[in-house]
C-alpha cells in the first residue's frame, strides 16, 4: 500500500472563449504518494477569494490530517476529511476542498491498479454517450445565436445544452418572448431530431408562473429538459412548476452534498434530471453516492464537465459507469484548460463520447502548463 506524501493545491486562472473571454478560476490538486505516484483532482471554487480559501483548507487542514495515510483507502480519507470540517463543512468551501483530494486519490488508485476508473466503479454501463455541445448563448442577435448552434451539429455534435443570460452580446435570457422565439427558430433550423436542452441559468429571475409559461411554450418545440428556471432553493416554486408542465425539469448543479440531493429527491420531488459536479460534490466518492440515490429514485444524472480536463475526465468515467446518464457535455470552443494542460485532449468521435483507456483518470497532466496558469 502506498502512502500520501504530499498534497498541493494549485489555484489557476484562464480566459475562456466559451464564456465570452471571461476569466475563470479553479483550484487543481496534486497528490503524490511515498513511491512517486501522482494523482490530480479539481475543486471548482470559481471566485479568487474562494480559491484562496479552498487552498488554505487543503494546505493547512487536510495535508497534516492525511499525510502518511494509505492513499488507496479513499473511503477512510473521505470520512476523515468530512469529520475534520464538521463545524464549517456540510457544503460550501469545505466540500470543494474535499472534492479535489478525493478525485486525486481515485486517480492514484486507478494508476496503482493499472485500470481506468470506470473499471473500479464496476465497469461500463454505456459503450458510448451522446456528445453534447454545452454552450452559452452570447452572440449578438438571434440569427447569430442560431447559426452558432447549427455549427455545433455540423461539427458532429448530436445534442446541445444552451445557457441563457450569460456574459456577452446576446439579449437572450430573461425576456420570455425573446427566449421562446430563439428556441422556435433553432428548432426550425435544426430539424425535428436534434436534441435541445435549455439551461435558464442564474442570470434569470423568474417567478413560478413565468417559468411555467415559458416551459410550456418551449415544450412545443420538444426541448429535452428545462434547467434551473427558478432559484435552486425555491422549493414551492419547483413543486408548482412540476405540477403544471410535462417538460422535464433539471437542477442540482449548485448542490454540495449527498444530503442535499437526498432532500431534493425525497422532499421536493419535482426534479427529474440532476446536475452533479465531482469537483464540487465532495469528489468522485460524493458523486457516486448521489448516483446511487438517482438509481433508487429513478432519476437521470448529468455530470458537470465545464471546467478543466481533470474534471472532464472524472465526469466521463462516472457517466459511462452510471446507468442514469444520457449525455456527456463538452465545451465546443478551444480553451487552454481542456486542450493544453493534458497531452491528449478529451474529445468526442463522430458525436459520441467513448471510454478513455488509460489508468486512473486516463489523462496525462502537463504540469508545466498548469503552473504557468497559477495565481
Protein backbone atom coordinates (compact mmCIF):
# COMPACT_ATOMS: atom_id res chain seq x y z
CA UNK A 1 0.00 0.00 0.00
CA UNK A 2 1.26 3.46 -0.91
CA UNK A 3 1.09 6.37 1.50
CA UNK A 4 0.17 10.01 0.96
CA UNK A 5 3.36 12.07 0.97
CA UNK A 6 2.40 15.45 -0.47
CA UNK A 7 -0.81 17.37 -1.20
CA UNK A 8 -0.52 20.62 -3.13
CA UNK A 9 -3.37 22.98 -4.06
CA UNK A 10 -2.71 24.99 -7.24
CA UNK A 11 -5.13 27.88 -7.90
CA UNK A 12 -5.19 28.71 -11.63
CA UNK A 13 -6.92 31.27 -13.85
CA UNK A 14 -7.55 31.46 -17.60
CA UNK A 15 -9.69 33.31 -20.17
CA UNK A 16 -12.49 31.15 -21.54
CA UNK A 17 -13.78 31.77 -25.08
CA UNK A 18 -16.73 29.53 -24.20
CA UNK A 19 -17.77 32.27 -21.76
CA UNK A 20 -17.06 35.35 -23.94
CA UNK A 21 -13.47 35.61 -22.70
CA UNK A 22 -14.40 35.72 -19.01
CA UNK A 23 -11.52 34.99 -16.63
CA UNK A 24 -12.39 31.74 -14.91
CA UNK A 25 -10.64 30.29 -11.87
CA UNK A 26 -10.38 26.93 -10.20
CA UNK A 27 -8.08 25.02 -7.85
CA UNK A 28 -6.22 21.95 -9.06
CA UNK A 29 -4.90 19.47 -6.52
CA UNK A 30 -1.73 17.43 -6.92
CA UNK A 31 -1.36 14.46 -4.58
CA UNK A 32 1.87 12.43 -4.57
CA UNK A 33 2.47 9.13 -2.81
CA UNK A 34 5.58 7.95 -1.00
CA UNK A 35 6.59 5.91 -4.06
CA UNK A 36 6.06 8.75 -6.54
CA UNK A 37 2.60 8.08 -7.96
CA UNK A 38 0.87 11.40 -8.75
CA UNK A 39 -2.87 11.93 -8.84
CA UNK A 40 -4.78 15.02 -9.96
CA UNK A 41 -8.06 16.49 -8.77
CA UNK A 42 -10.02 19.73 -9.00
CA UNK A 43 -12.08 22.00 -6.77
CA UNK A 44 -14.31 24.34 -8.79
CA UNK A 45 -14.19 27.34 -6.46
CA UNK A 46 -14.54 29.95 -9.27
CA UNK A 47 -14.01 33.21 -7.37
CA UNK A 48 -10.50 34.35 -6.32
CA UNK A 49 -11.33 34.55 -2.62
CA UNK A 50 -12.98 31.12 -2.72
CA UNK A 51 -9.96 29.62 -4.46
CA UNK A 52 -7.68 31.04 -1.77
CA UNK A 53 -9.93 29.67 0.97
CA UNK A 54 -10.01 26.20 -0.60
CA UNK A 55 -6.23 26.21 -0.97
CA UNK A 56 -5.87 27.16 2.71
CA UNK A 57 -8.16 24.33 3.87
CA UNK A 58 -6.17 21.85 1.79
CA UNK A 59 -2.69 23.06 2.77
CA UNK A 60 -3.31 23.89 6.42
CA UNK A 61 -6.08 21.42 7.24
CA UNK A 62 -6.09 18.35 5.02
CA UNK A 63 -2.36 17.93 4.35
CA UNK A 64 -1.41 17.45 8.01
CA UNK A 65 -4.56 15.37 8.50
CA UNK A 66 -3.87 12.89 5.69
CA UNK A 67 -0.09 12.86 5.30
CA UNK A 68 1.20 9.35 5.90
CA UNK A 69 -2.20 7.71 5.43
CA UNK A 70 -2.72 4.90 2.90
CA UNK A 71 -3.54 6.52 -0.43
CA UNK A 72 -5.77 3.71 -1.69
CA UNK A 73 -8.02 3.83 1.39
CA UNK A 74 -10.22 6.50 -0.15
CA UNK A 75 -13.30 5.86 1.98
CA UNK A 76 -11.28 6.40 5.14
CA UNK A 77 -9.78 9.63 3.78
CA UNK A 78 -13.19 10.92 2.70
CA UNK A 79 -14.73 10.25 6.11
CA UNK A 80 -11.70 11.73 7.88
CA UNK A 81 -11.94 14.98 5.88
CA UNK A 82 -15.69 15.27 6.49
CA UNK A 83 -15.25 14.74 10.22
CA UNK A 84 -12.46 17.31 10.32
CA UNK A 85 -14.67 20.06 8.84
CA UNK A 86 -17.76 19.20 10.91
CA UNK A 87 -18.03 22.76 12.24
CA UNK A 88 -17.80 24.60 8.93
CA UNK A 89 -18.49 21.83 6.42
CA UNK A 90 -21.58 20.07 5.02
CA UNK A 91 -21.41 22.21 1.90
CA UNK A 92 -19.57 25.24 0.57
CA UNK A 93 -15.82 25.73 0.64
CA UNK A 94 -15.16 22.58 2.67
CA UNK A 95 -16.97 20.36 0.15
CA UNK A 96 -14.95 21.89 -2.69
CA UNK A 97 -11.70 21.13 -0.86
CA UNK A 98 -12.75 17.53 -0.18
CA UNK A 99 -13.64 17.13 -3.86
CA UNK A 100 -10.16 17.82 -5.20
CA UNK A 101 -8.34 15.49 -2.85
CA UNK A 102 -10.86 12.69 -3.29
CA UNK A 103 -10.59 12.94 -7.08
CA UNK A 104 -6.79 12.83 -6.94
CA UNK A 105 -6.86 9.77 -4.66
CA UNK A 106 -9.12 7.94 -7.12
CA UNK A 107 -6.67 8.84 -9.89
CA UNK A 108 -3.89 7.29 -7.80
CA UNK A 109 -5.92 4.17 -7.06
CA UNK A 110 -6.53 3.62 -10.76
CA UNK A 111 -2.89 4.18 -11.63
CA UNK A 112 -1.71 1.76 -8.94
CA UNK A 113 -4.24 -0.84 -10.14
CA UNK A 114 -3.39 -0.17 -13.79
CA UNK A 115 -7.07 0.28 -14.63
CA UNK A 116 -9.32 3.12 -15.83
CA UNK A 117 -11.63 4.41 -13.13
CA UNK A 118 -14.81 3.07 -14.68
CA UNK A 119 -13.46 -0.45 -14.13
CA UNK A 120 -13.01 0.35 -10.44
CA UNK A 121 -16.64 1.57 -10.36
CA UNK A 122 -17.90 -1.82 -11.55
CA UNK A 123 -17.44 -1.48 -15.30
CA UNK A 124 -19.15 0.33 -18.15
CA UNK A 125 -22.89 0.86 -18.21
CA UNK A 126 -22.60 2.54 -21.64
CA UNK A 127 -20.23 1.84 -24.52
CA UNK A 128 -20.68 5.47 -25.51
CA UNK A 129 -22.79 8.55 -24.72
CA UNK A 130 -24.23 11.31 -26.91
CA UNK A 131 -21.74 14.16 -27.21
CA UNK A 132 -23.39 17.41 -26.13
CA UNK A 133 -22.15 20.88 -27.08
CA UNK A 134 -22.64 22.78 -23.83
CA UNK A 135 -22.51 26.47 -24.68
CA UNK A 136 -23.55 29.91 -23.53
CA UNK A 137 -25.89 31.80 -25.83
CA UNK A 138 -23.95 35.05 -26.03
CA UNK A 139 -23.64 36.29 -29.61
CA UNK A 140 -25.36 39.41 -30.94
CA UNK A 141 -28.84 38.80 -32.33
CA UNK A 142 -31.00 35.71 -32.67
CA UNK A 143 -29.70 34.79 -36.12
CA UNK A 144 -26.06 34.68 -34.93
CA UNK A 145 -27.01 32.57 -31.91
CA UNK A 146 -28.94 30.11 -34.05
CA UNK A 147 -26.12 29.89 -36.60
CA UNK A 148 -23.60 29.13 -33.88
CA UNK A 149 -25.61 26.18 -32.53
CA UNK A 150 -26.24 24.87 -36.06
CA UNK A 151 -22.46 24.93 -36.46
CA UNK A 152 -22.04 22.63 -33.45
CA UNK A 153 -24.21 19.99 -35.11
CA UNK A 154 -22.38 20.43 -38.40
CA UNK A 155 -19.16 19.77 -36.46
CA UNK A 156 -20.54 16.41 -35.33
CA UNK A 157 -22.29 17.04 -32.01
CA UNK A 158 -25.57 15.19 -31.50
CA UNK A 159 -27.00 17.30 -28.66
CA UNK A 160 -26.75 20.84 -27.33
CA UNK A 161 -27.27 22.48 -23.95
CA UNK A 162 -27.77 26.23 -24.09
CA UNK A 163 -27.08 28.57 -21.18
CA UNK A 164 -29.15 31.77 -21.20
CA UNK A 165 -28.44 35.23 -19.72
CA UNK A 166 -24.67 34.89 -19.83
CA UNK A 167 -21.96 37.47 -20.38
CA UNK A 168 -21.72 38.65 -23.96
CA UNK A 169 -23.74 40.49 -26.59
CA UNK A 170 -26.90 38.37 -26.64
CA UNK A 171 -30.30 39.62 -25.47
CA UNK A 172 -31.46 36.02 -24.95
CA UNK A 173 -32.17 35.25 -21.33
CA UNK A 174 -34.81 36.78 -19.09
CA UNK A 175 -37.38 38.01 -21.60
CA UNK A 176 -39.81 35.15 -22.21
CA UNK A 177 -40.86 36.17 -25.73
CA UNK A 178 -37.26 36.58 -26.87
CA UNK A 179 -36.25 33.27 -25.34
CA UNK A 180 -39.14 31.29 -26.85
CA UNK A 181 -38.52 32.90 -30.24
CA UNK A 182 -34.91 31.70 -30.13
CA UNK A 183 -35.93 28.10 -29.39
CA UNK A 184 -38.58 28.25 -32.13
CA UNK A 185 -36.03 29.45 -34.67
CA UNK A 186 -33.41 26.97 -33.51
CA UNK A 187 -35.80 24.03 -33.84
CA UNK A 188 -36.72 25.16 -37.34
CA UNK A 189 -33.03 25.35 -38.29
CA UNK A 190 -32.02 22.02 -36.70
CA UNK A 191 -34.99 19.91 -37.71
CA UNK A 192 -37.05 17.53 -35.63
CA UNK A 193 -34.40 15.08 -34.40
CA UNK A 194 -31.75 17.31 -32.81
CA UNK A 195 -31.71 17.33 -29.01
CA UNK A 196 -32.08 20.82 -27.48
CA UNK A 197 -31.58 21.23 -23.72
CA UNK A 198 -32.29 24.62 -22.15
CA UNK A 199 -30.37 25.97 -19.13
CA UNK A 200 -32.15 29.12 -17.99
CA UNK A 201 -29.36 29.81 -15.50
CA UNK A 202 -28.71 32.04 -12.53
CA UNK A 203 -28.77 35.25 -14.57
CA UNK A 204 -32.57 34.97 -14.83
CA UNK A 205 -35.00 35.78 -12.03
CA UNK A 206 -38.48 34.47 -12.87
CA UNK A 207 -41.42 33.65 -10.64
CA UNK A 208 -43.07 30.24 -10.88
CA UNK A 209 -45.91 31.42 -13.14
CA UNK A 210 -43.47 32.85 -15.68
CA UNK A 211 -41.36 29.68 -15.54
CA UNK A 212 -44.48 27.58 -16.17
CA UNK A 213 -45.49 29.67 -19.16
CA UNK A 214 -42.02 29.55 -20.74
CA UNK A 215 -41.68 25.80 -20.09
CA UNK A 216 -44.92 25.02 -21.86
CA UNK A 217 -44.21 27.37 -24.76
CA UNK A 218 -40.72 25.90 -25.24
CA UNK A 219 -42.15 22.43 -24.79
CA UNK A 220 -44.00 22.86 -28.06
CA UNK A 221 -40.56 22.73 -29.71
CA UNK A 222 -39.59 19.48 -27.93
CA UNK A 223 -36.85 20.61 -25.61
CA UNK A 224 -35.22 17.70 -23.80
CA UNK A 225 -35.10 19.41 -20.42
CA UNK A 226 -35.50 22.78 -18.73
CA UNK A 227 -32.73 23.60 -16.26
CA UNK A 228 -32.89 25.91 -13.23
CA UNK A 229 -35.59 28.37 -14.32
CA UNK A 230 -36.05 29.19 -10.62
CA UNK A 231 -33.60 29.77 -7.79
CA UNK A 232 -32.35 26.33 -6.66
CA UNK A 233 -33.90 26.61 -3.18
CA UNK A 234 -37.35 27.77 -4.36
CA UNK A 235 -38.98 24.54 -3.23
CA UNK A 236 -42.57 25.72 -3.54
CA UNK A 237 -41.88 27.20 -6.97
CA UNK A 238 -40.40 23.95 -8.27
CA UNK A 239 -43.31 21.91 -6.95
CA UNK A 240 -45.75 24.28 -8.67
CA UNK A 241 -43.74 24.18 -11.87
CA UNK A 242 -43.57 20.37 -11.90
CA UNK A 243 -47.33 20.16 -11.39
CA UNK A 244 -48.02 22.42 -14.36
CA UNK A 245 -45.69 21.26 -17.12
CA UNK A 246 -44.78 17.98 -18.80
CA UNK A 247 -41.29 19.24 -19.68
CA UNK A 248 -38.55 17.51 -17.71
CA UNK A 249 -37.04 19.77 -15.04
CA UNK A 250 -33.31 19.80 -14.29
CA UNK A 251 -31.47 21.24 -11.29
CA UNK A 252 -28.89 20.35 -8.68
CA UNK A 253 -25.67 21.71 -10.15
CA UNK A 254 -25.26 24.00 -7.14
CA UNK A 255 -25.72 21.30 -4.52
CA UNK A 256 -22.69 20.25 -2.49
CA UNK A 257 -23.59 17.05 -0.65
CA UNK A 258 -25.36 13.73 -0.82
CA UNK A 259 -27.71 15.04 1.88
CA UNK A 260 -28.68 17.99 -0.30
CA UNK A 261 -29.61 15.75 -3.21
CA UNK A 262 -31.49 13.37 -0.95
CA UNK A 263 -33.55 16.31 0.31
CA UNK A 264 -34.44 17.28 -3.26
CA UNK A 265 -35.42 13.76 -4.26
CA UNK A 266 -37.36 12.85 -1.12
CA UNK A 267 -38.83 16.19 -0.04
CA UNK A 268 -39.21 18.42 -3.12
CA UNK A 269 -39.94 15.62 -5.62
CA UNK A 270 -40.00 17.97 -8.61
CA UNK A 271 -36.71 17.39 -10.44
CA UNK A 272 -36.12 14.60 -12.96
CA UNK A 273 -32.57 15.43 -14.13
CA UNK A 274 -29.85 16.13 -11.56
CA UNK A 275 -26.71 18.02 -12.47
CA UNK A 276 -23.80 16.78 -10.34
CA UNK A 277 -20.23 18.07 -10.30
CA UNK A 278 -17.48 15.78 -8.95
CA UNK A 279 -15.29 18.85 -8.36
CA UNK A 280 -17.98 20.26 -6.07
CA UNK A 281 -19.98 17.40 -4.53
CA UNK A 282 -17.18 16.03 -2.34
CA UNK A 283 -15.42 14.32 -5.17
CA UNK A 284 -15.86 11.10 -7.05
CA UNK A 285 -16.97 9.43 -3.84
CA UNK A 286 -19.69 12.03 -3.34
CA UNK A 287 -20.82 11.77 -6.96
CA UNK A 288 -21.18 8.00 -6.73
CA UNK A 289 -23.30 8.34 -3.59
CA UNK A 290 -25.60 10.78 -5.39
CA UNK A 291 -25.71 8.44 -8.39
CA UNK A 292 -26.89 5.67 -6.08
CA UNK A 293 -29.72 7.97 -4.95
CA UNK A 294 -30.63 8.57 -8.61
CA UNK A 295 -30.85 4.82 -9.15
CA UNK A 296 -33.03 4.45 -6.06
CA UNK A 297 -35.41 7.23 -7.12
CA UNK A 298 -35.37 6.67 -10.88
CA UNK A 299 -33.64 9.95 -11.77
CA UNK A 300 -31.31 10.99 -14.59
CA UNK A 301 -27.81 12.17 -13.64
CA UNK A 302 -25.84 14.67 -15.72
CA UNK A 303 -22.18 15.13 -14.84
CA UNK A 304 -20.89 18.69 -14.92
CA UNK A 305 -17.72 18.82 -17.01
CA UNK A 306 -17.50 22.53 -17.80
CA UNK A 307 -14.10 23.35 -16.32
CA UNK A 308 -10.68 21.73 -16.86
CA UNK A 309 -9.79 18.42 -18.48
CA UNK A 310 -9.32 16.96 -15.00
CA UNK A 311 -12.99 17.35 -14.09
CA UNK A 312 -13.97 16.35 -17.63
CA UNK A 313 -12.05 13.09 -17.22
CA UNK A 314 -13.61 12.33 -13.84
CA UNK A 315 -17.09 13.13 -15.16
CA UNK A 316 -16.59 10.97 -18.23
CA UNK A 317 -15.62 7.90 -16.21
CA UNK A 318 -18.50 8.46 -13.81
CA UNK A 319 -21.04 8.98 -16.60
CA UNK A 320 -20.01 5.91 -18.57
CA UNK A 321 -20.22 3.81 -15.39
CA UNK A 322 -23.65 5.17 -14.41
CA UNK A 323 -26.92 3.59 -15.55
CA UNK A 324 -28.54 7.01 -15.07
CA UNK A 325 -26.54 9.12 -17.57
CA UNK A 326 -27.88 10.09 -21.01
CA UNK A 327 -25.35 12.52 -22.49
CA UNK A 328 -21.88 13.92 -21.95
CA UNK A 329 -21.14 17.65 -22.15
CA UNK A 330 -18.13 19.22 -23.88
CA UNK A 331 -17.06 22.83 -24.26
CA UNK A 332 -17.38 23.37 -28.02
CA UNK A 333 -14.69 26.09 -28.29
CA UNK A 334 -10.97 25.53 -27.64
CA UNK A 335 -9.73 26.55 -24.19
CA UNK A 336 -6.32 26.01 -22.65
CA UNK A 337 -7.53 24.05 -19.62
CA UNK A 338 -9.16 21.47 -21.89
CA UNK A 339 -6.65 21.45 -24.73
CA UNK A 340 -3.23 22.31 -23.30
CA UNK A 341 -2.96 21.05 -19.71
CA UNK A 342 -3.16 17.44 -20.90
CA UNK A 343 -1.08 15.69 -23.54
CA UNK A 344 -4.16 14.38 -25.35
CA UNK A 345 -7.43 16.31 -25.40
CA UNK A 346 -10.61 14.54 -24.31
CA UNK A 347 -12.97 14.89 -27.26
CA UNK A 348 -15.88 13.20 -28.96
CA UNK A 349 -15.64 10.94 -32.02
CA UNK A 350 -18.40 11.35 -34.61
CA UNK A 351 -20.71 12.83 -31.98
CA UNK A 352 -20.10 10.19 -29.30
CA UNK A 353 -18.17 10.21 -26.03
CA UNK A 354 -16.15 7.00 -25.70
CA UNK A 355 -14.34 5.50 -22.68
CA UNK A 356 -10.74 6.55 -22.02
CA UNK A 357 -8.35 3.61 -21.91
CA UNK A 358 -5.53 4.82 -19.67
CA UNK A 359 -5.26 4.05 -15.94
CA UNK A 360 -6.88 6.30 -13.34
CA UNK A 361 -8.42 9.38 -14.90
CA UNK A 362 -6.85 8.34 -18.19
CA UNK A 363 -5.10 11.66 -18.77
CA UNK A 364 -1.51 12.86 -18.54
CA UNK A 365 -1.38 16.33 -16.99
CA UNK A 366 1.23 18.77 -18.29
CA UNK A 367 2.44 20.21 -15.04
CA UNK A 368 4.44 22.99 -16.70
CA UNK A 369 1.28 24.35 -18.32
CA UNK A 370 -0.66 24.09 -15.04
CA UNK A 371 1.98 26.06 -13.15
CA UNK A 372 2.03 28.68 -15.87
CA UNK A 373 -1.65 29.38 -15.13
CA UNK A 374 -1.19 29.61 -11.34
CA UNK A 375 -2.07 32.79 -9.46
